[in-house]
Amino acid sequence: MIFQKPTSPYPYEMCVPSAILIHSPNEIPSSSEKVSSRYIYFGGFMEILVTPKVVEVEKSLVDVPLDLRQCYFEGEMKLKKYKVYTQMNCIDECTLEQSVNACGCVYFSTLRNSSTRICNQAIAYCVANVKSLISTRNKCSFCLPLCNQVSY
């Protein structure tokens, strides 16, 4: 990346705050996830170490009831809006459905179809409340991780 010196002032004159989101190719990156930002100085560089976490579960566990194994095997759970199941995609879809049900609209940046209304600023607080309730009340508890997955 090449950074040009900004015309507006930043906390440090010779740097720009930046974020790099590392995610599965099957997921849309979300800046609402835990993001660690760093300042990158003009003319400088930063090394980033990415260590993948690989989880593999033996196929013989497919017969173990879902409530005991607490994960989905590939193809076991289908989503409406995403072609590929991941826990984050499931939570995103669950949040979308909860937002439409409670508020009648979604954020502009949300994956949606053409008939889904976009919230204006006056009602955007409703979607924020839905997101907060989902995380505190575990309303998307059916969104389990995959039994075999790579995360970063």
N, C-alpha and C. Protein backbone atom coordinates (compact mmCIF):
# COMPACT_ATOMS: atom_id res chain seq x y z
N MET A 1 0.83 -1.17 0.00
CA MET A 1 0.00 0.00 0.00
C MET A 1 0.88 1.25 0.00
N ILE A 2 0.45 2.24 -0.71
CA ILE A 2 1.16 3.51 -0.72
C ILE A 2 0.24 4.55 -0.09
N PHE A 3 0.74 5.24 0.91
CA PHE A 3 -0.05 6.25 1.60
C PHE A 3 0.45 7.64 1.23
N GLN A 4 -0.44 8.49 0.79
CA GLN A 4 -0.10 9.88 0.50
C GLN A 4 -0.38 10.70 1.77
N LYS A 5 0.38 11.75 1.96
CA LYS A 5 0.16 12.59 3.13
C LYS A 5 -1.22 13.25 3.04
N PRO A 6 -2.07 13.08 4.06
CA PRO A 6 -3.42 13.64 4.01
C PRO A 6 -3.42 15.16 4.13
N THR A 7 -4.48 15.78 3.60
CA THR A 7 -4.60 17.23 3.70
C THR A 7 -5.25 17.62 5.03
N SER A 8 -6.06 16.73 5.62
CA SER A 8 -6.66 17.03 6.92
C SER A 8 -5.75 16.52 8.03
N PRO A 9 -5.77 17.17 9.18
CA PRO A 9 -4.86 16.77 10.26
C PRO A 9 -5.24 15.43 10.89
N TYR A 10 -4.25 14.62 11.19
CA TYR A 10 -4.42 13.36 11.91
C TYR A 10 -3.70 13.50 13.25
N PRO A 11 -3.95 12.58 14.21
CA PRO A 11 -3.29 12.68 15.51
C PRO A 11 -1.77 12.80 15.41
N TYR A 12 -1.19 12.13 14.44
CA TYR A 12 0.25 12.25 14.21
C TYR A 12 0.41 12.75 12.79
N GLU A 13 1.22 13.76 12.60
CA GLU A 13 1.33 14.40 11.29
C GLU A 13 1.84 13.49 10.19
N MET A 14 2.65 12.51 10.50
CA MET A 14 3.26 11.70 9.46
C MET A 14 2.69 10.29 9.38
N CYS A 15 1.45 10.10 9.78
CA CYS A 15 0.87 8.77 9.69
C CYS A 15 -0.63 8.85 9.42
N VAL A 16 -1.19 7.70 9.07
CA VAL A 16 -2.62 7.62 8.81
C VAL A 16 -3.17 6.38 9.53
N PRO A 17 -4.29 6.50 10.26
CA PRO A 17 -4.85 5.32 10.91
C PRO A 17 -5.41 4.36 9.87
N SER A 18 -5.10 3.09 10.00
CA SER A 18 -5.51 2.10 9.01
C SER A 18 -5.97 0.84 9.69
N ALA A 19 -6.82 0.11 9.01
CA ALA A 19 -7.26 -1.20 9.50
C ALA A 19 -7.25 -2.17 8.33
N ILE A 20 -6.76 -3.36 8.57
CA ILE A 20 -6.77 -4.43 7.59
C ILE A 20 -7.62 -5.54 8.19
N LEU A 21 -8.66 -5.95 7.46
CA LEU A 21 -9.56 -6.98 7.95
C LEU A 21 -9.20 -8.30 7.28
N ILE A 22 -8.87 -9.30 8.08
CA ILE A 22 -8.53 -10.62 7.57
C ILE A 22 -9.70 -11.53 7.89
N HIS A 23 -10.22 -12.18 6.85
CA HIS A 23 -11.44 -12.96 7.02
C HIS A 23 -11.46 -14.12 6.04
N SER A 24 -12.37 -15.03 6.26
CA SER A 24 -12.57 -16.15 5.35
C SER A 24 -13.05 -15.62 4.01
N PRO A 25 -12.66 -16.24 2.90
CA PRO A 25 -13.17 -15.80 1.60
C PRO A 25 -14.67 -16.03 1.45
N ASN A 26 -15.28 -16.79 2.35
CA ASN A 26 -16.71 -17.06 2.31
C ASN A 26 -17.52 -16.05 3.12
N GLU A 27 -16.86 -15.06 3.70
CA GLU A 27 -17.54 -14.09 4.55
C GLU A 27 -17.29 -12.67 4.06
N ILE A 28 -18.25 -11.80 4.35
CA ILE A 28 -18.08 -10.39 4.07
C ILE A 28 -17.39 -9.79 5.29
N PRO A 29 -16.28 -9.06 5.10
CA PRO A 29 -15.60 -8.49 6.27
C PRO A 29 -16.49 -7.50 7.00
N SER A 30 -16.42 -7.54 8.31
CA SER A 30 -17.25 -6.66 9.12
C SER A 30 -16.37 -5.84 10.03
N SER A 31 -16.47 -4.53 9.92
CA SER A 31 -15.68 -3.66 10.78
C SER A 31 -16.26 -3.59 12.19
N SER A 32 -17.44 -4.22 12.39
CA SER A 32 -18.02 -4.24 13.74
C SER A 32 -17.38 -5.32 14.61
N GLU A 33 -16.65 -6.23 13.96
CA GLU A 33 -15.93 -7.24 14.72
C GLU A 33 -14.76 -6.57 15.43
N LYS A 34 -14.12 -7.31 16.32
CA LYS A 34 -12.98 -6.76 17.05
C LYS A 34 -11.89 -6.37 16.06
N VAL A 35 -11.61 -5.10 15.98
CA VAL A 35 -10.62 -4.58 15.04
C VAL A 35 -9.53 -3.87 15.84
N SER A 36 -8.31 -4.20 15.53
CA SER A 36 -7.18 -3.55 16.16
C SER A 36 -6.58 -2.60 15.14
N SER A 37 -6.60 -1.31 15.43
CA SER A 37 -6.05 -0.35 14.47
C SER A 37 -4.65 0.08 14.89
N ARG A 38 -3.86 0.39 13.93
CA ARG A 38 -2.49 0.84 14.14
C ARG A 38 -2.25 2.04 13.23
N TYR A 39 -1.29 2.85 13.59
CA TYR A 39 -0.88 3.96 12.73
C TYR A 39 0.25 3.47 11.83
N ILE A 40 0.13 3.75 10.55
CA ILE A 40 1.18 3.41 9.60
C ILE A 40 1.82 4.72 9.16
N TYR A 41 3.11 4.83 9.38
CA TYR A 41 3.83 6.05 9.05
C TYR A 41 4.14 6.10 7.56
N PHE A 42 4.08 7.29 6.96
CA PHE A 42 4.39 7.46 5.55
C PHE A 42 5.83 7.03 5.30
N GLY A 43 6.00 6.22 4.30
CA GLY A 43 7.33 5.71 3.97
C GLY A 43 7.71 4.52 4.82
N GLY A 44 6.91 4.16 5.78
CA GLY A 44 7.20 3.02 6.65
C GLY A 44 6.47 1.78 6.19
N PHE A 45 6.65 0.70 6.91
CA PHE A 45 5.95 -0.54 6.59
C PHE A 45 5.59 -1.24 7.89
N MET A 46 4.73 -2.21 7.78
CA MET A 46 4.31 -2.98 8.94
C MET A 46 4.24 -4.45 8.53
N GLU A 47 4.77 -5.30 9.35
CA GLU A 47 4.66 -6.73 9.11
C GLU A 47 3.48 -7.26 9.93
N ILE A 48 2.74 -8.14 9.30
CA ILE A 48 1.58 -8.72 9.97
C ILE A 48 1.73 -10.23 9.93
N LEU A 49 1.69 -10.85 11.09
CA LEU A 49 1.75 -12.31 11.19
C LEU A 49 0.33 -12.83 11.29
N VAL A 50 -0.07 -13.67 10.34
CA VAL A 50 -1.40 -14.26 10.34
C VAL A 50 -1.25 -15.74 10.64
N THR A 51 -1.83 -16.18 11.74
CA THR A 51 -1.76 -17.59 12.13
C THR A 51 -3.15 -18.20 12.03
N PRO A 52 -3.37 -19.06 11.05
CA PRO A 52 -4.69 -19.66 10.93
C PRO A 52 -4.92 -20.70 12.04
N LYS A 53 -6.19 -20.79 12.46
CA LYS A 53 -6.59 -21.80 13.43
C LYS A 53 -7.43 -22.82 12.66
N VAL A 54 -6.95 -24.05 12.57
CA VAL A 54 -7.64 -25.09 11.82
C VAL A 54 -8.32 -26.03 12.81
N VAL A 55 -9.62 -26.23 12.60
CA VAL A 55 -10.38 -27.16 13.43
C VAL A 55 -10.94 -28.24 12.51
N GLU A 56 -10.64 -29.49 12.84
CA GLU A 56 -11.17 -30.61 12.07
C GLU A 56 -11.78 -31.63 13.02
N VAL A 57 -12.99 -32.04 12.70
CA VAL A 57 -13.71 -33.02 13.52
C VAL A 57 -13.90 -34.27 12.67
N GLU A 58 -13.75 -35.42 13.28
CA GLU A 58 -13.88 -36.67 12.54
C GLU A 58 -15.30 -36.86 12.04
N LYS A 59 -15.42 -37.39 10.83
CA LYS A 59 -16.73 -37.63 10.20
C LYS A 59 -17.60 -38.56 11.04
N SER A 60 -17.00 -39.42 11.84
CA SER A 60 -17.77 -40.36 12.65
C SER A 60 -18.68 -39.64 13.65
N LEU A 61 -18.38 -38.37 13.92
CA LEU A 61 -19.19 -37.61 14.88
C LEU A 61 -20.47 -37.06 14.26
N VAL A 62 -20.68 -37.30 12.96
CA VAL A 62 -21.89 -36.81 12.32
C VAL A 62 -23.14 -37.43 12.95
N ASP A 63 -23.01 -38.60 13.53
CA ASP A 63 -24.15 -39.27 14.18
C ASP A 63 -24.40 -38.78 15.60
N VAL A 64 -23.48 -38.00 16.15
CA VAL A 64 -23.66 -37.43 17.49
C VAL A 64 -24.70 -36.32 17.37
N PRO A 65 -25.70 -36.29 18.27
CA PRO A 65 -26.74 -35.25 18.18
C PRO A 65 -26.13 -33.84 18.19
N LEU A 66 -26.76 -32.97 17.42
CA LEU A 66 -26.29 -31.59 17.25
C LEU A 66 -26.12 -30.86 18.58
N ASP A 67 -27.05 -31.07 19.53
CA ASP A 67 -26.97 -30.37 20.82
C ASP A 67 -25.76 -30.82 21.64
N LEU A 68 -25.18 -31.98 21.32
CA LEU A 68 -23.97 -32.43 22.02
C LEU A 68 -22.70 -31.99 21.29
N ARG A 69 -22.68 -32.11 19.97
CA ARG A 69 -21.44 -31.76 19.24
C ARG A 69 -21.29 -30.27 19.03
N GLN A 70 -22.39 -29.51 19.00
CA GLN A 70 -22.35 -28.04 18.93
C GLN A 70 -21.60 -27.49 17.72
N CYS A 71 -21.73 -28.16 16.58
CA CYS A 71 -21.15 -27.65 15.34
C CYS A 71 -21.87 -28.30 14.17
N TYR A 72 -21.80 -27.63 13.00
CA TYR A 72 -22.43 -28.16 11.79
C TYR A 72 -21.37 -28.72 10.86
N PHE A 73 -21.68 -29.85 10.24
CA PHE A 73 -20.84 -30.35 9.17
C PHE A 73 -21.25 -29.64 7.88
N GLU A 74 -20.35 -29.59 6.91
CA GLU A 74 -20.63 -28.91 5.64
C GLU A 74 -21.91 -29.46 5.01
N GLY A 75 -22.78 -28.56 4.60
CA GLY A 75 -24.03 -28.94 3.97
C GLY A 75 -25.16 -29.26 4.94
N GLU A 76 -24.88 -29.26 6.22
CA GLU A 76 -25.90 -29.60 7.22
C GLU A 76 -26.84 -28.45 7.52
N MET A 77 -26.39 -27.22 7.34
CA MET A 77 -27.20 -26.04 7.62
C MET A 77 -27.19 -25.14 6.38
N LYS A 78 -28.35 -24.76 5.93
CA LYS A 78 -28.47 -23.90 4.75
C LYS A 78 -28.92 -22.51 5.18
N LEU A 79 -28.43 -21.51 4.49
CA LEU A 79 -28.83 -20.13 4.72
C LEU A 79 -29.65 -19.63 3.52
N LYS A 80 -30.46 -18.61 3.75
CA LYS A 80 -31.30 -18.06 2.68
C LYS A 80 -30.53 -17.12 1.76
N LYS A 81 -29.68 -16.28 2.33
CA LYS A 81 -29.02 -15.23 1.55
C LYS A 81 -27.59 -15.56 1.14
N TYR A 82 -26.97 -16.48 1.85
CA TYR A 82 -25.58 -16.85 1.55
C TYR A 82 -25.52 -18.25 0.96
N LYS A 83 -24.63 -18.45 0.00
CA LYS A 83 -24.46 -19.78 -0.59
C LYS A 83 -23.68 -20.71 0.32
N VAL A 84 -22.77 -20.13 1.11
CA VAL A 84 -21.90 -20.93 1.98
C VAL A 84 -22.21 -20.63 3.43
N TYR A 85 -22.39 -21.68 4.23
CA TYR A 85 -22.65 -21.49 5.66
C TYR A 85 -21.34 -21.24 6.39
N THR A 86 -21.32 -20.17 7.17
CA THR A 86 -20.31 -19.95 8.20
C THR A 86 -21.08 -19.37 9.39
N GLN A 87 -20.50 -19.44 10.56
CA GLN A 87 -21.18 -18.90 11.74
C GLN A 87 -21.42 -17.40 11.58
N MET A 88 -20.45 -16.66 11.04
CA MET A 88 -20.63 -15.21 10.85
C MET A 88 -21.72 -14.91 9.83
N ASN A 89 -21.79 -15.68 8.74
CA ASN A 89 -22.85 -15.48 7.76
C ASN A 89 -24.22 -15.75 8.37
N CYS A 90 -24.30 -16.77 9.21
CA CYS A 90 -25.54 -17.11 9.88
C CYS A 90 -25.98 -15.99 10.82
N ILE A 91 -25.04 -15.47 11.60
CA ILE A 91 -25.35 -14.37 12.52
C ILE A 91 -25.77 -13.13 11.74
N ASP A 92 -25.10 -12.86 10.61
CA ASP A 92 -25.46 -11.72 9.78
C ASP A 92 -26.88 -11.88 9.24
N GLU A 93 -27.22 -13.06 8.77
CA GLU A 93 -28.56 -13.32 8.24
C GLU A 93 -29.61 -13.26 9.35
N CYS A 94 -29.30 -13.79 10.51
CA CYS A 94 -30.20 -13.73 11.66
C CYS A 94 -30.45 -12.28 12.07
N THR A 95 -29.39 -11.49 12.11
CA THR A 95 -29.51 -10.07 12.46
C THR A 95 -30.38 -9.34 11.44
N LEU A 96 -30.18 -9.65 10.17
CA LEU A 96 -30.98 -9.05 9.11
C LEU A 96 -32.46 -9.36 9.33
N GLU A 97 -32.79 -10.62 9.56
CA GLU A 97 -34.19 -11.02 9.76
C GLU A 97 -34.79 -10.36 11.00
N GLN A 98 -34.02 -10.34 12.09
CA GLN A 98 -34.50 -9.71 13.32
C GLN A 98 -34.72 -8.20 13.12
N SER A 99 -33.83 -7.56 12.36
CA SER A 99 -33.96 -6.12 12.09
C SER A 99 -35.20 -5.82 11.26
N VAL A 100 -35.42 -6.62 10.23
CA VAL A 100 -36.60 -6.42 9.38
C VAL A 100 -37.87 -6.64 10.20
N ASN A 101 -37.89 -7.69 11.03
CA ASN A 101 -39.07 -7.98 11.85
C ASN A 101 -39.35 -6.87 12.86
N ALA A 102 -38.32 -6.37 13.52
CA ALA A 102 -38.50 -5.37 14.59
C ALA A 102 -38.61 -3.94 14.05
N CYS A 103 -37.86 -3.63 13.01
CA CYS A 103 -37.74 -2.23 12.55
C CYS A 103 -38.35 -1.98 11.18
N GLY A 104 -38.51 -3.04 10.40
CA GLY A 104 -39.02 -2.87 9.05
C GLY A 104 -37.97 -2.40 8.06
N CYS A 105 -36.71 -2.39 8.49
CA CYS A 105 -35.64 -1.91 7.62
C CYS A 105 -34.29 -2.43 8.13
N VAL A 106 -33.24 -2.18 7.33
CA VAL A 106 -31.88 -2.60 7.69
C VAL A 106 -30.91 -1.46 7.38
N TYR A 107 -29.67 -1.57 7.91
CA TYR A 107 -28.63 -0.61 7.58
C TYR A 107 -28.34 -0.64 6.08
N PHE A 108 -27.85 0.46 5.54
CA PHE A 108 -27.49 0.56 4.13
C PHE A 108 -26.45 -0.49 3.76
N SER A 109 -25.49 -0.75 4.63
CA SER A 109 -24.37 -1.65 4.33
C SER A 109 -24.73 -3.13 4.44
N THR A 110 -25.97 -3.45 4.81
CA THR A 110 -26.38 -4.83 5.01
C THR A 110 -26.70 -5.52 3.68
N LEU A 111 -26.30 -6.79 3.57
CA LEU A 111 -26.66 -7.59 2.41
C LEU A 111 -28.18 -7.75 2.42
N ARG A 112 -28.83 -7.37 1.34
CA ARG A 112 -30.29 -7.38 1.32
C ARG A 112 -30.79 -7.54 -0.11
N ASN A 113 -32.10 -7.80 -0.24
CA ASN A 113 -32.68 -7.84 -1.59
C ASN A 113 -33.32 -6.49 -1.90
N SER A 114 -33.81 -6.32 -3.10
CA SER A 114 -34.30 -5.02 -3.54
C SER A 114 -35.58 -4.59 -2.81
N SER A 115 -36.31 -5.53 -2.22
CA SER A 115 -37.56 -5.18 -1.53
C SER A 115 -37.34 -4.79 -0.06
N THR A 116 -36.14 -4.99 0.46
CA THR A 116 -35.86 -4.65 1.85
C THR A 116 -35.57 -3.16 1.97
N ARG A 117 -36.32 -2.50 2.85
CA ARG A 117 -36.18 -1.05 3.05
C ARG A 117 -34.90 -0.73 3.81
N ILE A 118 -34.26 0.38 3.45
CA ILE A 118 -33.06 0.85 4.16
C ILE A 118 -33.51 1.85 5.21
N CYS A 119 -33.01 1.70 6.43
CA CYS A 119 -33.37 2.60 7.53
C CYS A 119 -32.81 4.00 7.30
N ASN A 120 -33.61 5.00 7.62
CA ASN A 120 -33.07 6.36 7.61
C ASN A 120 -32.45 6.61 8.99
N GLN A 121 -31.83 7.75 9.17
CA GLN A 121 -31.15 8.04 10.44
C GLN A 121 -32.10 8.05 11.62
N ALA A 122 -33.33 8.44 11.40
CA ALA A 122 -34.28 8.54 12.50
C ALA A 122 -34.62 7.18 13.11
N ILE A 123 -34.54 6.11 12.32
CA ILE A 123 -34.91 4.78 12.84
C ILE A 123 -33.70 3.83 12.94
N ALA A 124 -32.51 4.29 12.54
CA ALA A 124 -31.32 3.45 12.60
C ALA A 124 -31.03 2.96 14.02
N TYR A 125 -31.46 3.72 15.04
CA TYR A 125 -31.27 3.29 16.43
C TYR A 125 -31.95 1.95 16.68
N CYS A 126 -33.05 1.68 15.98
CA CYS A 126 -33.79 0.43 16.15
C CYS A 126 -32.91 -0.76 15.78
N VAL A 127 -32.20 -0.67 14.65
CA VAL A 127 -31.31 -1.75 14.21
C VAL A 127 -30.16 -1.92 15.21
N ALA A 128 -29.63 -0.81 15.71
CA ALA A 128 -28.57 -0.89 16.72
C ALA A 128 -29.07 -1.61 17.97
N ASN A 129 -30.31 -1.34 18.38
CA ASN A 129 -30.89 -2.03 19.53
C ASN A 129 -31.07 -3.52 19.26
N VAL A 130 -31.49 -3.86 18.06
CA VAL A 130 -31.65 -5.28 17.68
C VAL A 130 -30.30 -5.98 17.77
N LYS A 131 -29.26 -5.37 17.22
CA LYS A 131 -27.92 -5.97 17.27
C LYS A 131 -27.47 -6.18 18.71
N SER A 132 -27.75 -5.22 19.56
CA SER A 132 -27.38 -5.31 20.97
C SER A 132 -28.15 -6.45 21.65
N LEU A 133 -29.44 -6.55 21.37
CA LEU A 133 -30.26 -7.62 21.96
C LEU A 133 -29.82 -8.99 21.49
N ILE A 134 -29.44 -9.10 20.23
CA ILE A 134 -28.99 -10.39 19.70
C ILE A 134 -27.75 -10.87 20.44
N SER A 135 -26.81 -9.97 20.69
CA SER A 135 -25.59 -10.38 21.38
C SER A 135 -25.82 -10.64 22.87
N THR A 136 -26.71 -9.89 23.51
CA THR A 136 -26.92 -10.09 24.95
C THR A 136 -27.90 -11.21 25.27
N ARG A 137 -28.87 -11.44 24.39
CA ARG A 137 -29.89 -12.46 24.66
C ARG A 137 -29.71 -13.73 23.84
N ASN A 138 -28.62 -13.79 23.10
CA ASN A 138 -28.28 -14.99 22.34
C ASN A 138 -29.41 -15.43 21.41
N LYS A 139 -30.02 -14.49 20.71
CA LYS A 139 -31.15 -14.78 19.82
C LYS A 139 -30.75 -15.57 18.58
N CYS A 140 -29.48 -15.64 18.28
CA CYS A 140 -29.01 -16.40 17.11
C CYS A 140 -28.21 -17.61 17.58
N SER A 141 -28.65 -18.22 18.66
CA SER A 141 -27.90 -19.33 19.25
C SER A 141 -27.83 -20.56 18.35
N PHE A 142 -28.69 -20.63 17.34
CA PHE A 142 -28.65 -21.74 16.39
C PHE A 142 -27.48 -21.59 15.41
N CYS A 143 -26.84 -20.43 15.41
CA CYS A 143 -25.70 -20.17 14.52
C CYS A 143 -24.43 -20.75 15.15
N LEU A 144 -24.26 -22.02 14.95
CA LEU A 144 -23.10 -22.72 15.52
C LEU A 144 -21.92 -22.66 14.54
N PRO A 145 -20.71 -22.88 15.04
CA PRO A 145 -19.56 -22.90 14.14
C PRO A 145 -19.59 -24.16 13.26
N LEU A 146 -18.78 -24.16 12.22
CA LEU A 146 -18.61 -25.36 11.42
C LEU A 146 -17.71 -26.33 12.16
N CYS A 147 -17.95 -27.62 11.96
CA CYS A 147 -17.10 -28.62 12.62
C CYS A 147 -15.69 -28.60 12.04
N ASN A 148 -15.59 -28.31 10.74
CA ASN A 148 -14.29 -28.21 10.08
C ASN A 148 -14.17 -26.80 9.53
N GLN A 149 -13.22 -26.04 10.06
CA GLN A 149 -13.10 -24.65 9.63
C GLN A 149 -11.69 -24.12 9.84
N VAL A 150 -11.42 -23.05 9.11
CA VAL A 150 -10.17 -22.31 9.28
C VAL A 150 -10.58 -20.91 9.68
N SER A 151 -10.00 -20.41 10.77
CA SER A 151 -10.27 -19.03 11.17
C SER A 151 -8.95 -18.31 11.38
N TYR A 152 -9.01 -16.97 11.38
CA TYR A 152 -7.80 -16.15 11.47
C TYR A 152 -7.87 -15.22 12.65
